[in-house]
Protein backbone atom coordinates (compact mmCIF):
# COMPACT_ATOMS: atom_id res chain seq x y z
CA MET A 1 207.66 53.26 251.52
CA ASP A 2 209.35 53.17 254.81
CA LYS A 3 208.06 55.56 257.38
CA LYS A 4 210.76 58.14 257.93
CA HIS A 5 210.66 61.15 260.63
CA TYR A 6 212.44 64.22 260.07
CA PHE A 7 213.15 66.36 263.02
CA TRP A 8 212.25 70.17 262.99
CA GLN A 9 212.40 73.29 265.13
CA PRO A 10 209.99 76.36 264.96
CA GLU A 11 211.28 79.61 263.51
CA LEU A 12 214.68 80.82 265.00
CA SER A 13 213.02 83.41 267.33
CA ILE A 14 210.94 80.98 269.13
CA SER A 15 213.63 78.18 269.17
CA ILE A 16 216.18 80.64 270.75
CA ILE A 17 213.53 81.42 273.39
CA TYR A 18 212.87 78.09 274.10
CA TRP A 19 216.41 76.54 274.28
CA SER A 20 217.64 79.91 276.28
CA LEU A 21 215.25 79.04 279.02
CA THR A 22 215.78 75.32 279.13
CA PHE A 23 219.52 76.14 279.44
CA ILE A 24 218.56 78.94 282.38
CA VAL A 25 216.81 76.32 284.36
CA LEU A 26 219.67 73.70 283.75
CA PHE A 27 222.12 76.20 284.98
CA TYR A 28 220.15 77.08 288.02
CA GLY A 29 219.77 73.42 288.97
CA LEU A 30 223.49 73.16 288.61
CA ILE A 31 224.34 76.32 290.89
CA LEU A 32 221.56 74.84 293.41
CA THR A 33 223.70 71.44 293.33
CA LEU A 34 227.15 72.91 293.56
CA GLU A 35 226.30 74.87 296.68
CA LYS A 36 225.95 71.77 298.87
CA THR A 37 228.67 69.17 299.44
CA HIS A 38 226.15 66.39 299.58
CA PRO A 39 223.41 65.29 297.33
CA TYR A 40 220.89 67.95 297.23
CA LEU A 41 217.27 67.06 296.29
CA GLN A 42 216.06 70.41 295.11
CA GLY A 43 219.09 70.98 292.85
CA ASN A 44 218.52 67.34 291.38
CA ILE A 45 214.62 68.15 290.92
CA VAL A 46 215.57 71.34 288.78
CA ILE A 47 218.06 69.43 286.76
CA GLY A 48 215.45 66.80 286.02
CA ILE A 49 212.97 69.41 284.91
CA SER A 50 215.54 70.84 282.49
CA ILE A 51 216.20 67.49 281.10
CA LEU A 52 212.51 66.77 280.74
CA PHE A 53 212.24 70.40 278.72
CA ALA A 54 215.16 69.43 276.52
CA VAL A 55 213.39 65.82 275.64
CA VAL A 56 210.30 67.65 274.97
CA GLY A 57 212.01 70.46 272.81
CA ILE A 58 213.54 67.60 270.43
CA HIS A 59 210.02 65.81 270.29
CA ARG A 60 209.13 67.53 267.22
CA TYR A 61 209.00 65.69 263.95
CA LEU A 62 207.19 65.06 260.63
CA TYR A 63 206.06 61.76 259.42
CA LEU A 64 205.22 61.28 255.39
CA GLU A 65 202.46 59.07 254.77
CA GLU A 66 200.31 58.37 251.81
CA SER A 67 197.44 60.51 253.26
CA GLY A 68 199.57 63.56 254.17
CA ILE A 69 201.98 64.84 256.26
CA ARG A 70 201.69 64.06 260.16
CA VAL A 71 203.06 66.69 262.35
CA ARG A 72 204.15 66.32 265.87
CA TYR A 73 204.55 69.23 268.08
CA ALA A 74 206.59 69.65 271.42
CA ARG A 75 203.35 69.48 273.26
CA VAL A 76 202.75 65.77 273.09
CA TRP A 77 198.92 65.94 272.95
CA ARG A 78 199.19 68.17 270.07
CA ARG A 79 199.25 66.34 266.65
CA GLU A 80 198.28 67.55 263.18
CA THR A 81 197.80 65.99 259.74
CA LEU A 82 198.46 67.93 256.72
CA LEU A 83 196.21 66.11 254.12
CA ARG A 84 197.67 65.87 250.69
CA GLU A 85 194.82 67.48 248.77
CA HIS A 86 195.23 70.61 251.33
CA ILE A 87 198.74 71.18 250.39
CA ASP A 88 199.20 73.81 247.93
CA TYR A 89 203.09 73.87 247.44
CA LEU A 90 206.21 73.39 249.24
CA THR A 91 208.91 76.25 249.24
CA LEU A 92 212.52 75.78 250.01
CA CYS A 93 213.92 78.48 252.25
CA LYS A 94 217.44 78.98 253.64
CA ASP A 95 216.62 77.29 257.08
CA GLY A 96 214.27 74.74 256.23
CA VAL A 97 210.70 74.27 254.15
CA ILE A 98 207.52 76.32 254.12
CA ILE A 99 204.35 73.97 253.25
CA GLN A 100 201.45 76.25 252.13
CA ARG A 101 197.92 75.12 252.64
CA LYS A 102 195.18 75.62 249.86
CA GLY A 103 191.72 77.29 250.83
CA LEU A 104 190.75 80.06 252.80
CA SER A 105 192.98 79.82 255.77
CA GLY A 106 195.81 79.73 253.50
CA ALA A 107 197.82 78.79 256.40
CA ALA A 108 201.80 78.27 255.95
CA PHE A 109 203.65 75.99 258.09
CA HIS A 110 207.28 76.81 258.54
CA PHE A 111 209.74 74.06 259.54
CA ALA A 112 213.20 74.66 260.35
CA MET A 113 215.70 71.68 259.49
CA ARG A 114 219.41 71.12 258.96
CA LYS A 115 220.59 71.20 255.55
CA LYS A 116 220.91 67.35 254.92
CA LYS A 117 217.67 66.77 256.50
CA ARG A 118 215.86 69.23 254.52
CA GLU A 119 217.37 67.83 251.27
CA ALA A 120 216.21 64.10 252.39
CA PHE A 121 212.79 65.43 253.17
CA VAL A 122 212.35 67.39 249.91
CA LYS A 123 213.59 64.14 247.77
CA ASP A 124 211.09 61.92 250.00
CA PHE A 125 208.44 64.44 249.62
CA ALA A 126 208.80 64.50 245.74
CA ALA A 127 208.60 60.74 245.71
CA PHE A 128 205.21 60.68 248.11
CA TYR A 129 203.49 63.50 246.46
CA PRO A 130 204.65 64.06 242.69
CA GLU A 131 201.61 66.07 241.94
CA ILE A 132 202.45 68.91 244.51
CA GLU A 133 204.89 71.47 243.36
CA ILE A 134 208.05 72.24 245.01
CA LYS A 135 209.33 75.84 244.65
CA ALA A 136 213.12 76.44 244.80
CA ASN A 137 215.13 79.62 245.95
CA GLU A 138 212.16 81.92 246.11
CA LYS A 139 212.74 85.04 248.16
CA ILE A 140 209.88 85.60 250.83
CA SER A 141 209.17 88.55 252.69
CA ARG A 142 207.25 88.21 255.93
CA ASP A 143 205.57 91.69 256.27
């Protein structure tokens, strides 16, 4: 199968904080630039930094591979692979998917996705890993 990547965002509160800070830096750079009538180096540098933050924020994606799911985070140096034998089940939720790990750690990975991307991801997930259970429409409390 082809390698497909699926863009994701972290849970809603973290996404709101990240993108709010990115836009604050952008607006500050625009304010600095608009105060001068000629090209202003400091304002352009701040706008460049906000564009860099936006590119880094979009950098999050998943790859489905035969061995497992490769997760790329916003921090370029952080990569993680969820091996197929360590995945317990996948749960569909309103804003994305949750991948539950087996074992003592029992870590749950929450990946927020758009509806069409989520449906494509679940379809390809079922094709890649038919032995892993997919739970749908399950109410999850986060106590």
